[in-house]
All heavy atoms as atom14 arrays in JSON, in Angstrom:
{
  "sequence": "CEGYKLLNKHKGSITSEIMMEILRDKESGIN",
  "atom14_mask": [
    [1, 1, 1, 1, 1, 1, 0, 0, 0, 0, 0, 0, 0, 0],
    [1, 1, 1, 1, 1, 1, 1, 1, 1, 0, 0, 0, 0, 0],
    [1, 1, 1, 1, 0, 0, 0, 0, 0, 0, 0, 0, 0, 0],
    [1, 1, 1, 1, 1, 1, 1, 1, 1, 1, 1, 1, 0, 0],
    [1, 1, 1, 1, 1, 1, 1, 1, 1, 0, 0, 0, 0, 0],
    [1, 1, 1, 1, 1, 1, 1, 1, 0, 0, 0, 0, 0, 0],
    [1, 1, 1, 1, 1, 1, 1, 1, 0, 0, 0, 0, 0, 0],
    [1, 1, 1, 1, 1, 1, 1, 1, 0, 0, 0, 0, 0, 0],
    [1, 1, 1, 1, 1, 1, 1, 1, 1, 0, 0, 0, 0, 0],
    [1, 1, 1, 1, 1, 1, 1, 1, 1, 1, 0, 0, 0, 0],
    [1, 1, 1, 1, 1, 1, 1, 1, 1, 0, 0, 0, 0, 0],
    [1, 1, 1, 1, 0, 0, 0, 0, 0, 0, 0, 0, 0, 0],
    [1, 1, 1, 1, 1, 1, 0, 0, 0, 0, 0, 0, 0, 0],
    [1, 1, 1, 1, 1, 1, 1, 1, 0, 0, 0, 0, 0, 0],
    [1, 1, 1, 1, 1, 1, 1, 0, 0, 0, 0, 0, 0, 0],
    [1, 1, 1, 1, 1, 1, 0, 0, 0, 0, 0, 0, 0, 0],
    [1, 1, 1, 1, 1, 1, 1, 1, 1, 0, 0, 0, 0, 0],
    [1, 1, 1, 1, 1, 1, 1, 1, 0, 0, 0, 0, 0, 0],
    [1, 1, 1, 1, 1, 1, 1, 1, 0, 0, 0, 0, 0, 0],
    [1, 1, 1, 1, 1, 1, 1, 1, 0, 0, 0, 0, 0, 0],
    [1, 1, 1, 1, 1, 1, 1, 1, 1, 0, 0, 0, 0, 0],
    [1, 1, 1, 1, 1, 1, 1, 1, 0, 0, 0, 0, 0, 0],
    [1, 1, 1, 1, 1, 1, 1, 1, 0, 0, 0, 0, 0, 0],
    [1, 1, 1, 1, 1, 1, 1, 1, 1, 1, 1, 0, 0, 0],
    [1, 1, 1, 1, 1, 1, 1, 1, 0, 0, 0, 0, 0, 0],
    [1, 1, 1, 1, 1, 1, 1, 1, 1, 0, 0, 0, 0, 0],
    [1, 1, 1, 1, 1, 1, 1, 1, 1, 0, 0, 0, 0, 0],
    [1, 1, 1, 1, 1, 1, 0, 0, 0, 0, 0, 0, 0, 0],
    [1, 1, 1, 1, 0, 0, 0, 0, 0, 0, 0, 0, 0, 0],
    [1, 1, 1, 1, 1, 1, 1, 1, 0, 0, 0, 0, 0, 0],
    [1, 1, 1, 1, 1, 1, 1, 1, 0, 0, 0, 0, 0, 0]
  ],
  "atom14_positions": [
    [[0.83, -1.22, 0.0], [0.0, 0.0, 0.0], [0.85, 1.26, 0.0], [0.56, 2.22, -0.72], [-0.95, 0.0, 1.2], [-2.25, -1.23, 1.06], [0.0, 0.0, 0.0], [0.0, 0.0, 0.0], [0.0, 0.0, 0.0], [0.0, 0.0, 0.0], [0.0, 0.0, 0.0], [0.0, 0.0, 0.0], [0.0, 0.0, 0.0], [0.0, 0.0, 0.0]],
    [[1.9, 1.27, 0.82], [2.78, 2.45, 0.88], [3.5, 2.65, -0.45], [3.66, 3.78, -0.91], [3.77, 2.32, 2.03], [3.14, 2.43, 3.4], [2.4, 3.74, 3.62], [2.95, 4.82, 3.29], [1.26, 3.7, 4.12], [0.0, 0.0, 0.0], [0.0, 0.0, 0.0], [0.0, 0.0, 0.0], [0.0, 0.0, 0.0], [0.0, 0.0, 0.0]],
    [[3.94, 1.57, -1.06], [4.59, 1.68, -2.36], [3.65, 2.24, -3.41], [4.02, 3.11, -4.2], [0.0, 0.0, 0.0], [0.0, 0.0, 0.0], [0.0, 0.0, 0.0], [0.0, 0.0, 0.0], [0.0, 0.0, 0.0], [0.0, 0.0, 0.0], [0.0, 0.0, 0.0], [0.0, 0.0, 0.0], [0.0, 0.0, 0.0], [0.0, 0.0, 0.0]],
    [[2.41, 1.75, -3.39], [1.42, 2.26, -4.34], [1.16, 3.74, -4.12], [1.08, 4.52, -5.07], [0.12, 1.46, -4.24], [-0.91, 1.92, -5.24], [-0.81, 1.53, -6.57], [-1.94, 2.77, -4.87], [-1.72, 1.97, -7.52], [-2.86, 3.21, -5.8], [-2.75, 2.81, -7.12], [-3.65, 3.27, -8.04], [0.0, 0.0, 0.0], [0.0, 0.0, 0.0]],
    [[1.04, 4.15, -2.86], [0.81, 5.58, -2.55], [1.96, 6.44, -3.06], [1.72, 7.5, -3.66], [0.68, 5.79, -1.03], [-0.63, 5.37, -0.46], [-0.63, 5.69, 1.04], [-1.61, 4.86, 1.79], [-1.49, 5.03, 3.24], [0.0, 0.0, 0.0], [0.0, 0.0, 0.0], [0.0, 0.0, 0.0], [0.0, 0.0, 0.0], [0.0, 0.0, 0.0]],
    [[3.19, 6.02, -2.81], [4.34, 6.8, -3.26], [4.41, 6.87, -4.79], [4.7, 7.92, -5.35], [5.63, 6.21, -2.69], [5.84, 6.4, -1.19], [6.99, 5.54, -0.68], [6.06, 7.87, -0.86], [0.0, 0.0, 0.0], [0.0, 0.0, 0.0], [0.0, 0.0, 0.0], [0.0, 0.0, 0.0], [0.0, 0.0, 0.0], [0.0, 0.0, 0.0]],
    [[4.14, 5.76, -5.46], [4.13, 5.78, -6.92], [3.0, 6.65, -7.46], [3.18, 7.44, -8.39], [3.99, 4.36, -7.47], [5.2, 3.46, -7.31], [4.83, 2.01, -7.65], [6.35, 3.93, -8.19], [0.0, 0.0, 0.0], [0.0, 0.0, 0.0], [0.0, 0.0, 0.0], [0.0, 0.0, 0.0], [0.0, 0.0, 0.0], [0.0, 0.0, 0.0]],
    [[1.82, 6.5, -6.87], [0.65, 7.26, -7.32], [0.83, 8.76, -7.11], [0.34, 9.56, -7.91], [-0.6, 6.74, -6.61], [-1.83, 6.86, -7.47], [-1.75, 6.7, -8.69], [-2.95, 7.13, -6.86], [0.0, 0.0, 0.0], [0.0, 0.0, 0.0], [0.0, 0.0, 0.0], [0.0, 0.0, 0.0], [0.0, 0.0, 0.0], [0.0, 0.0, 0.0]],
    [[1.51, 9.12, -6.06], [1.78, 10.53, -5.75], [2.54, 11.2, -6.9], [2.35, 12.38, -7.18], [2.59, 10.62, -4.45], [3.03, 11.99, -4.04], [3.82, 11.9, -2.75], [4.47, 13.22, -2.43], [5.33, 13.1, -1.23], [0.0, 0.0, 0.0], [0.0, 0.0, 0.0], [0.0, 0.0, 0.0], [0.0, 0.0, 0.0], [0.0, 0.0, 0.0]],
    [[3.39, 10.43, -7.56], [4.22, 10.97, -8.64], [3.77, 10.51, -10.03], [4.49, 10.72, -11.01], [5.68, 10.56, -8.42], [6.26, 11.07, -7.14], [6.63, 12.38, -6.98], [6.49, 10.46, -5.96], [7.1, 12.55, -5.76], [7.02, 11.4, -5.12], [0.0, 0.0, 0.0], [0.0, 0.0, 0.0], [0.0, 0.0, 0.0], [0.0, 0.0, 0.0]],
    [[2.59, 9.87, -10.1], [2.11, 9.31, -11.38], [2.16, 10.37, -12.48], [1.71, 11.49, -12.3], [0.69, 8.78, -11.22], [0.17, 8.06, -12.46], [-1.08, 7.26, -12.21], [-2.23, 8.11, -11.76], [-3.48, 7.35, -11.67], [0.0, 0.0, 0.0], [0.0, 0.0, 0.0], [0.0, 0.0, 0.0], [0.0, 0.0, 0.0], [0.0, 0.0, 0.0]],
    [[2.74, 9.99, -13.6], [2.85, 10.9, -14.74], [4.13, 11.71, -14.76], [4.45, 12.34, -15.75], [0.0, 0.0, 0.0], [0.0, 0.0, 0.0], [0.0, 0.0, 0.0], [0.0, 0.0, 0.0], [0.0, 0.0, 0.0], [0.0, 0.0, 0.0], [0.0, 0.0, 0.0], [0.0, 0.0, 0.0], [0.0, 0.0, 0.0], [0.0, 0.0, 0.0]],
    [[4.86, 11.7, -13.64], [6.11, 12.48, -13.59], [7.22, 11.71, -12.86], [8.08, 12.32, -12.24], [5.87, 13.83, -12.92], [5.43, 13.63, -11.57], [0.0, 0.0, 0.0], [0.0, 0.0, 0.0], [0.0, 0.0, 0.0], [0.0, 0.0, 0.0], [0.0, 0.0, 0.0], [0.0, 0.0, 0.0], [0.0, 0.0, 0.0], [0.0, 0.0, 0.0]],
    [[7.19, 10.41, -12.94], [8.2, 9.6, -12.25], [9.49, 9.63, -13.07], [9.51, 9.29, -14.24], [7.73, 8.15, -12.04], [6.52, 8.13, -11.11], [8.86, 7.28, -11.48], [5.88, 6.77, -10.92], [0.0, 0.0, 0.0], [0.0, 0.0, 0.0], [0.0, 0.0, 0.0], [0.0, 0.0, 0.0], [0.0, 0.0, 0.0], [0.0, 0.0, 0.0]],
    [[10.54, 10.08, -12.41], [11.88, 10.08, -13.01], [12.7, 8.99, -12.33], [12.29, 8.42, -11.32], [12.57, 11.45, -12.8], [12.73, 11.65, -11.38], [11.75, 12.59, -13.4], [0.0, 0.0, 0.0], [0.0, 0.0, 0.0], [0.0, 0.0, 0.0], [0.0, 0.0, 0.0], [0.0, 0.0, 0.0], [0.0, 0.0, 0.0], [0.0, 0.0, 0.0]],
    [[13.88, 8.74, -12.85], [14.75, 7.76, -12.2], [15.11, 8.22, -10.79], [15.18, 7.41, -9.86], [15.99, 7.48, -13.04], [16.68, 8.67, -13.34], [0.0, 0.0, 0.0], [0.0, 0.0, 0.0], [0.0, 0.0, 0.0], [0.0, 0.0, 0.0], [0.0, 0.0, 0.0], [0.0, 0.0, 0.0], [0.0, 0.0, 0.0], [0.0, 0.0, 0.0]],
    [[15.3, 9.53, -10.6], [15.63, 10.05, -9.27], [14.48, 9.83, -8.28], [14.71, 9.43, -7.14], [15.98, 11.55, -9.34], [17.27, 11.85, -10.08], [17.12, 11.91, -11.6], [15.99, 11.81, -12.11], [18.15, 12.05, -12.28], [0.0, 0.0, 0.0], [0.0, 0.0, 0.0], [0.0, 0.0, 0.0], [0.0, 0.0, 0.0], [0.0, 0.0, 0.0]],
    [[13.25, 10.07, -8.71], [12.09, 9.84, -7.84], [11.96, 8.36, -7.51], [11.7, 7.98, -6.37], [10.8, 10.39, -8.49], [10.81, 11.93, -8.45], [9.55, 9.84, -7.78], [9.7, 12.59, -9.23], [0.0, 0.0, 0.0], [0.0, 0.0, 0.0], [0.0, 0.0, 0.0], [0.0, 0.0, 0.0], [0.0, 0.0, 0.0], [0.0, 0.0, 0.0]],
    [[12.18, 7.51, -8.5], [12.09, 6.07, -8.25], [13.15, 5.63, -7.24], [12.88, 4.81, -6.36], [12.26, 5.31, -9.58], [11.81, 3.89, -9.52], [10.06, 3.74, -9.21], [10.09, 2.56, -7.88], [0.0, 0.0, 0.0], [0.0, 0.0, 0.0], [0.0, 0.0, 0.0], [0.0, 0.0, 0.0], [0.0, 0.0, 0.0], [0.0, 0.0, 0.0]],
    [[14.35, 6.21, -7.34], [15.4, 5.88, -6.36], [15.01, 6.34, -4.96], [15.24, 5.62, -3.99], [16.73, 6.5, -6.79], [17.34, 5.82, -7.99], [18.85, 6.68, -8.49], [18.99, 6.12, -10.18], [0.0, 0.0, 0.0], [0.0, 0.0, 0.0], [0.0, 0.0, 0.0], [0.0, 0.0, 0.0], [0.0, 0.0, 0.0], [0.0, 0.0, 0.0]],
    [[14.4, 7.51, -4.86], [13.92, 8.0, -3.55], [12.89, 7.03, -2.97], [12.93, 6.72, -1.78], [13.29, 9.38, -3.7], [14.26, 10.51, -3.87], [13.52, 11.85, -4.07], [12.43, 12.03, -3.5], [14.07, 12.7, -4.8], [0.0, 0.0, 0.0], [0.0, 0.0, 0.0], [0.0, 0.0, 0.0], [0.0, 0.0, 0.0], [0.0, 0.0, 0.0]],
    [[11.98, 6.57, -3.8], [10.94, 5.64, -3.33], [11.59, 4.35, -2.83], [11.25, 3.84, -1.76], [9.91, 5.36, -4.45], [9.08, 6.62, -4.72], [9.02, 4.17, -4.1], [8.19, 6.54, -5.95], [0.0, 0.0, 0.0], [0.0, 0.0, 0.0], [0.0, 0.0, 0.0], [0.0, 0.0, 0.0], [0.0, 0.0, 0.0], [0.0, 0.0, 0.0]],
    [[12.55, 3.81, -3.57], [13.2, 2.55, -3.18], [14.08, 2.72, -1.94], [14.36, 1.74, -1.24], [14.01, 1.99, -4.34], [13.16, 1.49, -5.51], [14.05, 1.15, -6.71], [12.31, 0.31, -5.11], [0.0, 0.0, 0.0], [0.0, 0.0, 0.0], [0.0, 0.0, 0.0], [0.0, 0.0, 0.0], [0.0, 0.0, 0.0], [0.0, 0.0, 0.0]],
    [[14.49, 3.93, -1.64], [15.29, 4.2, -0.43], [14.42, 4.44, 0.8], [14.93, 4.48, 1.91], [16.15, 5.43, -0.65], [17.29, 5.24, -1.6], [18.09, 6.54, -1.73], [19.2, 6.35, -2.63], [19.45, 7.12, -3.69], [18.67, 8.13, -3.99], [20.49, 6.86, -4.44], [0.0, 0.0, 0.0], [0.0, 0.0, 0.0], [0.0, 0.0, 0.0]],
    [[13.13, 4.6, 0.62], [12.23, 5.01, 1.7], [12.15, 3.95, 2.81], [11.67, 2.84, 2.58], [10.84, 5.29, 1.13], [9.96, 6.03, 2.1], [9.47, 5.37, 3.04], [9.79, 7.25, 1.95], [0.0, 0.0, 0.0], [0.0, 0.0, 0.0], [0.0, 0.0, 0.0], [0.0, 0.0, 0.0], [0.0, 0.0, 0.0], [0.0, 0.0, 0.0]],
    [[12.6, 4.31, 3.98], [12.59, 3.38, 5.12], [11.28, 3.47, 5.9], [10.8, 2.48, 6.41], [13.78, 3.65, 6.03], [15.09, 3.27, 5.38], [16.27, 3.52, 6.29], [17.55, 3.15, 5.54], [18.74, 3.45, 6.3], [0.0, 0.0, 0.0], [0.0, 0.0, 0.0], [0.0, 0.0, 0.0], [0.0, 0.0, 0.0], [0.0, 0.0, 0.0]],
    [[10.71, 4.66, 5.99], [9.48, 4.86, 6.77], [8.34, 3.99, 6.25], [7.56, 3.44, 7.02], [9.08, 6.34, 6.74], [7.94, 6.66, 7.66], [7.63, 8.16, 7.66], [8.56, 8.97, 7.62], [6.43, 8.49, 7.71], [0.0, 0.0, 0.0], [0.0, 0.0, 0.0], [0.0, 0.0, 0.0], [0.0, 0.0, 0.0], [0.0, 0.0, 0.0]],
    [[8.25, 3.84, 4.95], [7.18, 3.04, 4.33], [7.42, 1.54, 4.48], [6.51, 0.75, 4.29], [7.08, 3.37, 2.84], [8.26, 2.95, 2.18], [0.0, 0.0, 0.0], [0.0, 0.0, 0.0], [0.0, 0.0, 0.0], [0.0, 0.0, 0.0], [0.0, 0.0, 0.0], [0.0, 0.0, 0.0], [0.0, 0.0, 0.0], [0.0, 0.0, 0.0]],
    [[8.65, 1.17, 4.78], [9.0, -0.25, 4.84], [9.5, -0.79, 3.51], [9.84, -1.97, 3.41], [0.0, 0.0, 0.0], [0.0, 0.0, 0.0], [0.0, 0.0, 0.0], [0.0, 0.0, 0.0], [0.0, 0.0, 0.0], [0.0, 0.0, 0.0], [0.0, 0.0, 0.0], [0.0, 0.0, 0.0], [0.0, 0.0, 0.0], [0.0, 0.0, 0.0]],
    [[9.53, 0.05, 2.48], [10.03, -0.42, 1.18], [11.5, -0.79, 1.29], [11.92, -1.83, 0.82], [9.77, 0.63, 0.08], [8.27, 0.73, -0.16], [10.52, 0.28, -1.2], [7.86, 1.86, -1.04], [0.0, 0.0, 0.0], [0.0, 0.0, 0.0], [0.0, 0.0, 0.0], [0.0, 0.0, 0.0], [0.0, 0.0, 0.0], [0.0, 0.0, 0.0]],
    [[12.29, 0.07, 1.92], [13.68, -0.26, 2.22], [13.68, -0.83, 3.64], [13.72, -0.11, 4.61], [14.57, 0.98, 2.12], [16.03, 0.66, 2.34], [16.41, -0.48, 2.54], [16.85, 1.68, 2.32], [0.0, 0.0, 0.0], [0.0, 0.0, 0.0], [0.0, 0.0, 0.0], [0.0, 0.0, 0.0], [0.0, 0.0, 0.0], [0.0, 0.0, 0.0]]
  ]
}
């Protein structure tokens, strides 16, 4: 759910830098 929220927040403007930020996110539990 947290991953979907983070992706959806940037839907249409996801860059490689934003994707890296999402994959580094510890608070969501993704990292």
